[in-house]
Amino acid sequence: MNFSFLFPGQGSQYNGMLKEHFEEFPEFSETIAEGEEFYKEKFQEVIFSNDPRLSDTYYTQPLLLLVSFAFVKVWKKHNCPSPKVSFGHSLGEVSSLLSSEVFHLKAALEFVQSRANLMIASKGSKKTKMVAVLGLDSKEILEIVSEKKADFLEAVNFNSPIQTVIAGNTDEVELLKPSLKKAGAKRVIDLSVSVPSHSSLMNIASTKLRVVLEDLSLGKAIFPTIHNVDSKVSLSSNEIKDKLAYQISKPVLWTDSMKKLKKYGLDEHLELGPGKVLCSLGKQNRVTGNFFSFDDIKVFKDKLNKYGN
């Protein structure tokens, strides 16, 4: 049990994701079908038909939740043990809580649907975007953003010492790019997301989401999840609800979370979702242990054989 789970958030999705997994493990189609029944949407078409809706928050959030959970279903079917600790980036925190049995699937889908709708409503008609800044210290980025005195421009994800995500009005983000590059940023990458998550623009959504959470019953976790907003484990249902609600309007403190992960001294870190963003961030944060992405079906099957029986 000397391993962690890592669950990715929005931006990790890609068209045709996990095709081999769907072909080999029936749990993937079965789990997506449960989401399709709840949403009354044809989710597999969105994944496998080069559909632009895959980057629409309303679709991205449930699809990432469902495919991450499908990994967990296969993992449990093979009698693999639970992780020592689990981390989820942004939406991935919900995937982690679902996988640890704090949520059951229907409640998680209800929550994610409300989460996405409230975030979309909070954004309104504003033209916004998010970018990842690589190769520049976060303190320097904060200074540059502050100097701009923009209407809406914020550092919202502190992913590693060399990667910070900025959200803002599209025109103000574009005007910021030359300053970032001049200061030494190696790359400024546009992210495939439709709302500026973890920014102050989501404050109203956070307040309304807390009301939604009040009506959801939560179970007892079978393994701990480290939260994005404070890099700590919650000890009560109310605390979990508070952190989930305010997570969407507060920065993701991933660097601090990775510092917490270091203290566990684990041998392996397993990323359950599409892509390998969190594996990359773990290495950037110099976390000890080996990182493995289950996006690679060979890696997934190797770990099932290693931990299962």
Protein backbone atom coordinates (compact mmCIF):
# COMPACT_ATOMS: atom_id res chain seq x y z
CA MET A 1 0.00 0.00 0.00
CA ASN A 2 3.02 2.24 -0.39
CA PHE A 3 1.56 4.33 -3.21
CA SER A 4 -0.66 7.37 -3.88
CA PHE A 5 -3.48 8.08 -6.32
CA LEU A 6 -3.45 11.24 -8.46
CA PHE A 7 -6.61 12.42 -10.24
CA PRO A 8 -6.31 15.04 -13.04
CA GLY A 9 -8.59 17.99 -13.71
CA GLN A 10 -9.77 19.96 -16.72
CA GLY A 11 -7.20 20.37 -19.46
CA SER A 12 -6.09 16.74 -19.32
CA GLN A 13 -8.89 15.56 -21.62
CA TYR A 14 -8.29 14.88 -25.31
CA ASN A 15 -10.40 13.61 -28.20
CA GLY A 16 -10.38 9.83 -28.40
CA MET A 17 -8.95 9.54 -24.90
CA LEU A 18 -8.46 6.06 -23.42
CA LYS A 19 -9.77 4.26 -26.53
CA GLU A 20 -7.79 1.09 -25.76
CA HIS A 21 -9.12 1.07 -22.20
CA PHE A 22 -12.71 1.21 -23.45
CA GLU A 23 -12.00 -1.69 -25.80
CA GLU A 24 -10.37 -3.90 -23.15
CA PHE A 25 -12.20 -3.09 -19.91
CA PRO A 26 -16.04 -3.08 -19.93
CA GLU A 27 -16.05 -0.93 -16.78
CA PHE A 28 -15.24 2.12 -18.89
CA SER A 29 -18.31 1.86 -21.14
CA GLU A 30 -20.46 0.82 -18.16
CA THR A 31 -19.39 3.83 -16.10
CA ILE A 32 -19.89 6.24 -19.00
CA ALA A 33 -23.35 4.71 -19.54
CA GLU A 34 -24.24 5.57 -15.94
CA GLY A 35 -23.25 9.16 -16.63
CA GLU A 36 -25.22 9.18 -19.88
CA GLU A 37 -28.32 7.98 -18.03
CA PHE A 38 -27.98 10.77 -15.45
CA TYR A 39 -27.17 13.57 -17.92
CA LYS A 40 -29.31 12.28 -20.82
CA GLU A 41 -26.31 12.87 -23.09
CA LYS A 42 -24.33 10.65 -25.47
CA PHE A 43 -20.97 11.00 -23.73
CA GLN A 44 -19.11 8.40 -25.79
CA GLU A 45 -19.88 10.41 -28.92
CA VAL A 46 -18.35 13.49 -27.28
CA ILE A 47 -15.18 11.54 -26.47
CA PHE A 48 -14.70 9.70 -29.75
CA SER A 49 -16.07 11.97 -32.49
CA ASN A 50 -13.67 14.93 -32.39
CA ASP A 51 -16.45 16.88 -30.67
CA PRO A 52 -15.55 20.42 -29.46
CA ARG A 53 -17.89 19.94 -26.50
CA LEU A 54 -15.14 17.89 -24.86
CA SER A 55 -13.58 21.22 -23.81
CA ASP A 56 -16.90 22.66 -22.63
CA THR A 57 -16.97 22.67 -18.82
CA TYR A 58 -20.49 21.17 -18.73
CA TYR A 59 -19.15 18.05 -20.49
CA THR A 60 -15.51 18.03 -19.43
CA GLN A 61 -16.19 17.76 -15.71
CA PRO A 62 -18.45 14.67 -15.73
CA LEU A 63 -16.38 12.92 -18.40
CA LEU A 64 -13.16 13.26 -16.42
CA LEU A 65 -14.93 12.16 -13.26
CA LEU A 66 -16.37 9.10 -14.99
CA VAL A 67 -13.21 7.86 -16.70
CA SER A 68 -11.20 8.32 -13.50
CA PHE A 69 -13.81 6.34 -11.61
CA ALA A 70 -13.72 3.62 -14.26
CA PHE A 71 -10.02 3.13 -13.47
CA VAL A 72 -10.93 2.71 -9.81
CA LYS A 73 -13.65 0.16 -10.64
CA VAL A 74 -11.16 -1.96 -12.59
CA TRP A 75 -8.61 -1.54 -9.78
CA LYS A 76 -11.09 -2.82 -7.19
CA LYS A 77 -12.26 -5.67 -9.44
CA HIS A 78 -8.68 -6.94 -9.47
CA ASN A 79 -8.62 -6.78 -5.65
CA CYS A 80 -5.91 -4.13 -5.63
CA PRO A 81 -5.39 -2.28 -2.32
CA SER A 82 -6.32 1.31 -1.54
CA PRO A 83 -3.66 4.02 -1.71
CA LYS A 84 -1.99 5.48 1.35
CA VAL A 85 -3.22 8.94 0.30
CA SER A 86 -4.90 10.56 -2.68
CA PHE A 87 -4.68 13.92 -4.45
CA GLY A 88 -6.92 15.48 -7.08
CA HIS A 89 -6.16 18.58 -9.10
CA SER A 90 -9.20 20.88 -9.27
CA LEU A 91 -12.08 18.66 -10.49
CA GLY A 92 -9.81 15.70 -9.70
CA GLU A 93 -10.49 16.35 -6.02
CA VAL A 94 -14.09 15.26 -6.62
CA SER A 95 -12.81 12.13 -8.41
CA SER A 96 -10.62 11.38 -5.41
CA LEU A 97 -13.52 11.77 -2.96
CA LEU A 98 -15.74 9.58 -5.15
CA SER A 99 -13.05 6.91 -5.30
CA SER A 100 -12.58 7.01 -1.51
CA GLU A 101 -16.35 6.47 -1.06
CA VAL A 102 -17.05 9.93 0.39
CA PHE A 103 -19.40 10.37 -2.58
CA HIS A 104 -21.43 7.69 -4.30
CA LEU A 105 -21.61 8.10 -8.07
CA LYS A 106 -25.07 9.67 -8.33
CA ALA A 107 -24.24 12.28 -5.67
CA ALA A 108 -20.91 13.03 -7.37
CA LEU A 109 -22.68 13.54 -10.71
CA GLU A 110 -25.29 15.80 -9.08
CA PHE A 111 -22.53 17.84 -7.51
CA VAL A 112 -20.43 18.07 -10.67
CA GLN A 113 -23.44 19.08 -12.75
CA SER A 114 -24.26 21.89 -10.31
CA ARG A 115 -20.58 22.84 -10.10
CA ALA A 116 -20.26 23.21 -13.87
CA ASN A 117 -23.56 25.06 -14.30
CA LEU A 118 -22.77 27.54 -11.52
CA MET A 119 -19.28 28.16 -12.89
CA ILE A 120 -20.66 28.79 -16.37
CA ALA A 121 -23.27 31.18 -14.95
CA SER A 122 -20.64 33.05 -12.92
CA LYS A 123 -18.51 33.55 -16.02
CA GLY A 124 -21.51 34.98 -17.85
CA SER A 125 -20.69 36.66 -21.16
CA LYS A 126 -17.13 37.59 -20.22
CA LYS A 127 -14.45 36.51 -22.68
CA THR A 128 -11.86 34.81 -20.52
CA LYS A 129 -8.99 32.38 -20.85
CA MET A 130 -6.43 30.52 -18.79
CA VAL A 131 -2.76 30.05 -19.58
CA ALA A 132 0.03 28.00 -18.02
CA VAL A 133 3.29 29.89 -17.55
CA LEU A 134 6.37 27.67 -17.61
CA GLY A 135 9.87 28.49 -16.44
CA LEU A 136 9.13 31.54 -14.30
CA ASP A 137 8.98 31.76 -10.50
CA SER A 138 5.48 32.29 -9.11
CA LYS A 139 6.54 35.30 -7.01
CA GLU A 140 7.78 37.06 -10.11
CA ILE A 141 4.55 36.21 -11.92
CA LEU A 142 2.49 37.68 -9.08
CA GLU A 143 4.51 40.91 -9.28
CA ILE A 144 4.02 41.19 -13.04
CA VAL A 145 0.27 40.55 -12.72
CA SER A 146 -0.02 43.12 -9.93
CA GLU A 147 1.79 45.77 -11.96
CA LYS A 148 -0.72 45.47 -14.80
CA LYS A 149 -3.61 46.77 -12.65
CA ALA A 150 -5.99 44.82 -14.87
CA ASP A 151 -9.76 44.48 -14.50
CA PHE A 152 -9.53 40.69 -14.15
CA LEU A 153 -6.13 38.98 -14.12
CA GLU A 154 -5.13 36.48 -11.42
CA ALA A 155 -2.67 33.69 -10.68
CA VAL A 156 -4.94 30.76 -9.86
CA ASN A 157 -2.97 27.48 -9.92
CA PHE A 158 0.42 27.16 -8.27
CA ASN A 159 1.39 23.86 -9.84
CA SER A 160 5.16 23.72 -9.32
CA PRO A 161 8.09 26.07 -8.74
CA ILE A 162 8.25 26.51 -12.52
CA GLN A 163 4.57 26.35 -13.51
CA THR A 164 1.79 28.78 -12.59
CA VAL A 165 -1.61 29.16 -14.23
CA ILE A 166 -3.13 32.58 -14.85
CA ALA A 167 -6.82 33.36 -15.47
CA GLY A 168 -8.23 36.60 -16.77
CA ASN A 169 -10.04 38.54 -19.44
CA THR A 170 -8.85 37.29 -22.82
CA ASP A 171 -7.50 40.65 -23.98
CA GLU A 172 -5.66 41.27 -20.69
CA VAL A 173 -4.10 37.80 -20.73
CA GLU A 174 -2.89 38.37 -24.29
CA LEU A 175 -1.38 41.72 -23.30
CA LEU A 176 0.37 40.01 -20.39
CA LYS A 177 2.13 37.39 -22.51
CA PRO A 178 4.97 39.62 -23.83
CA SER A 179 5.78 40.76 -20.27
CA LEU A 180 5.96 37.16 -19.08
CA LYS A 181 8.25 36.15 -21.92
CA LYS A 182 10.43 39.20 -21.40
CA ALA A 183 10.80 38.24 -17.73
CA GLY A 184 12.07 34.81 -18.72
CA ALA A 185 9.07 32.54 -19.17
CA LYS A 186 10.02 29.65 -21.43
CA ARG A 187 6.48 29.02 -22.63
CA VAL A 188 2.98 30.45 -22.15
CA ILE A 189 0.42 27.80 -23.09
CA ASP A 190 -3.29 28.41 -23.70
CA LEU A 191 -5.37 25.88 -21.75
CA SER A 192 -8.35 23.99 -23.13
CA VAL A 193 -10.90 25.20 -20.57
CA SER A 194 -14.04 27.29 -20.99
CA VAL A 195 -14.30 28.99 -17.58
CA PRO A 196 -11.67 30.71 -15.38
CA SER A 197 -11.67 28.22 -12.51
CA HIS A 198 -10.21 29.07 -9.08
CA SER A 199 -10.54 32.80 -9.64
CA SER A 200 -12.52 35.52 -7.88
CA LEU A 201 -14.97 35.47 -10.81
CA MET A 202 -16.28 32.24 -9.25
CA ASN A 203 -17.11 33.78 -5.83
CA ILE A 204 -20.87 33.75 -6.37
CA ALA A 205 -20.68 30.18 -7.69
CA SER A 206 -18.84 29.13 -4.52
CA THR A 207 -21.55 30.53 -2.27
CA LYS A 208 -24.32 28.84 -4.24
CA LEU A 209 -22.41 25.58 -4.45
CA ARG A 210 -22.15 25.41 -0.67
CA VAL A 211 -25.96 25.48 -0.53
CA VAL A 212 -26.12 22.61 -3.05
CA LEU A 213 -23.69 20.58 -0.95
CA GLU A 214 -25.85 21.00 2.16
CA ASP A 215 -28.38 18.57 0.67
CA LEU A 216 -25.82 15.88 -0.20
CA SER A 217 -24.93 13.17 2.30
CA LEU A 218 -21.29 12.15 2.44
CA GLY A 219 -19.79 8.82 3.45
CA LYS A 220 -16.68 7.99 5.44
CA ALA A 221 -13.46 7.97 3.43
CA ILE A 222 -11.59 4.68 3.03
CA PHE A 223 -8.43 6.68 2.31
CA PRO A 224 -7.54 10.37 2.84
CA THR A 225 -7.74 13.09 0.18
CA ILE A 226 -5.52 16.17 0.42
CA HIS A 227 -7.53 19.28 -0.49
CA ASN A 228 -6.45 21.93 -2.99
CA VAL A 229 -7.32 24.97 -0.89
CA ASP A 230 -5.11 24.23 2.13
CA SER A 231 -3.17 21.00 1.41
CA LYS A 232 -4.83 19.30 4.38
CA VAL A 233 -7.14 16.35 5.04
CA SER A 234 -10.69 17.19 6.19
CA LEU A 235 -11.94 15.58 9.39
CA SER A 236 -15.68 16.18 9.01
CA SER A 237 -18.38 16.26 6.32
CA ASN A 238 -18.95 19.99 6.85
CA GLU A 239 -15.26 20.67 6.39
CA ILE A 240 -15.21 18.68 3.13
CA LYS A 241 -18.26 20.60 1.90
CA ASP A 242 -16.69 23.96 2.76
CA LYS A 243 -13.47 23.13 0.94
CA LEU A 244 -15.23 21.74 -2.14
CA ALA A 245 -17.43 24.83 -2.41
CA TYR A 246 -14.68 27.39 -2.02
CA GLN A 247 -12.15 25.43 -4.06
CA ILE A 248 -13.61 26.80 -7.31
CA SER A 249 -12.93 30.42 -6.30
CA LYS A 250 -9.58 29.91 -4.55
CA PRO A 251 -6.15 29.05 -6.03
CA VAL A 252 -5.06 25.43 -6.36
CA LEU A 253 -2.07 25.07 -4.03
CA TRP A 254 -0.60 22.08 -5.83
CA THR A 255 3.00 22.89 -4.92
CA ASP A 256 2.05 22.83 -1.23
CA SER A 257 0.15 19.58 -1.78
CA MET A 258 3.24 18.02 -3.35
CA LYS A 259 5.28 19.09 -0.32
CA LYS A 260 2.76 17.15 1.78
CA LEU A 261 3.10 14.15 -0.54
CA LYS A 262 6.88 14.17 -0.07
CA LYS A 263 6.40 13.59 3.67
CA TYR A 264 4.67 10.27 3.00
CA GLY A 265 7.85 8.87 1.41
CA LEU A 266 5.92 6.63 -0.99
CA ASP A 267 7.46 4.39 -3.65
CA GLU A 268 4.92 4.99 -6.42
CA HIS A 269 2.38 7.58 -7.56
CA LEU A 270 -0.38 6.45 -9.90
CA GLU A 271 -2.28 8.90 -12.14
CA LEU A 272 -5.84 7.72 -12.87
CA GLY A 273 -7.11 9.65 -15.87
CA PRO A 274 -6.21 10.82 -19.35
CA GLY A 275 -2.75 12.25 -20.02
CA LYS A 276 0.18 12.52 -17.66
CA VAL A 277 0.04 16.12 -16.44
CA LEU A 278 0.20 15.22 -12.76
CA CYS A 279 3.11 12.84 -13.27
CA SER A 280 4.99 15.72 -14.88
CA LEU A 281 4.08 18.11 -12.06
CA GLY A 282 5.17 15.57 -9.45
CA LYS A 283 8.59 15.39 -11.03
CA GLN A 284 8.78 19.20 -11.29
CA ASN A 285 8.06 19.33 -7.55
CA ARG A 286 10.85 16.79 -6.92
CA VAL A 287 8.60 14.32 -5.15
CA THR A 288 10.45 11.10 -4.35
CA GLY A 289 9.15 7.85 -5.84
CA ASN A 290 8.24 6.82 -9.37
CA PHE A 291 5.31 8.26 -11.30
CA PHE A 292 3.08 6.19 -13.58
CA SER A 293 0.23 7.34 -15.80
CA PHE A 294 -2.62 4.89 -16.43
CA ASP A 295 -3.26 6.69 -19.72
CA ASP A 296 -0.74 4.10 -21.01
CA ILE A 297 -2.72 0.86 -20.98
CA LYS A 298 0.44 -1.24 -20.68
CA VAL A 299 1.38 0.62 -17.49
CA PHE A 300 -2.16 0.16 -16.15
CA LYS A 301 -2.11 -3.59 -16.78
CA ASP A 302 1.35 -3.91 -15.23
CA LYS A 303 0.13 -2.27 -12.03
CA LEU A 304 -3.02 -4.42 -11.96
CA ASN A 305 -0.77 -7.48 -12.11
CA LYS A 306 1.59 -6.07 -9.47
CA TYR A 307 -1.03 -5.07 -6.89
CA GLY A 308 -3.94 -7.38 -7.76
CA ASN A 309 -4.64 -11.04 -7.09
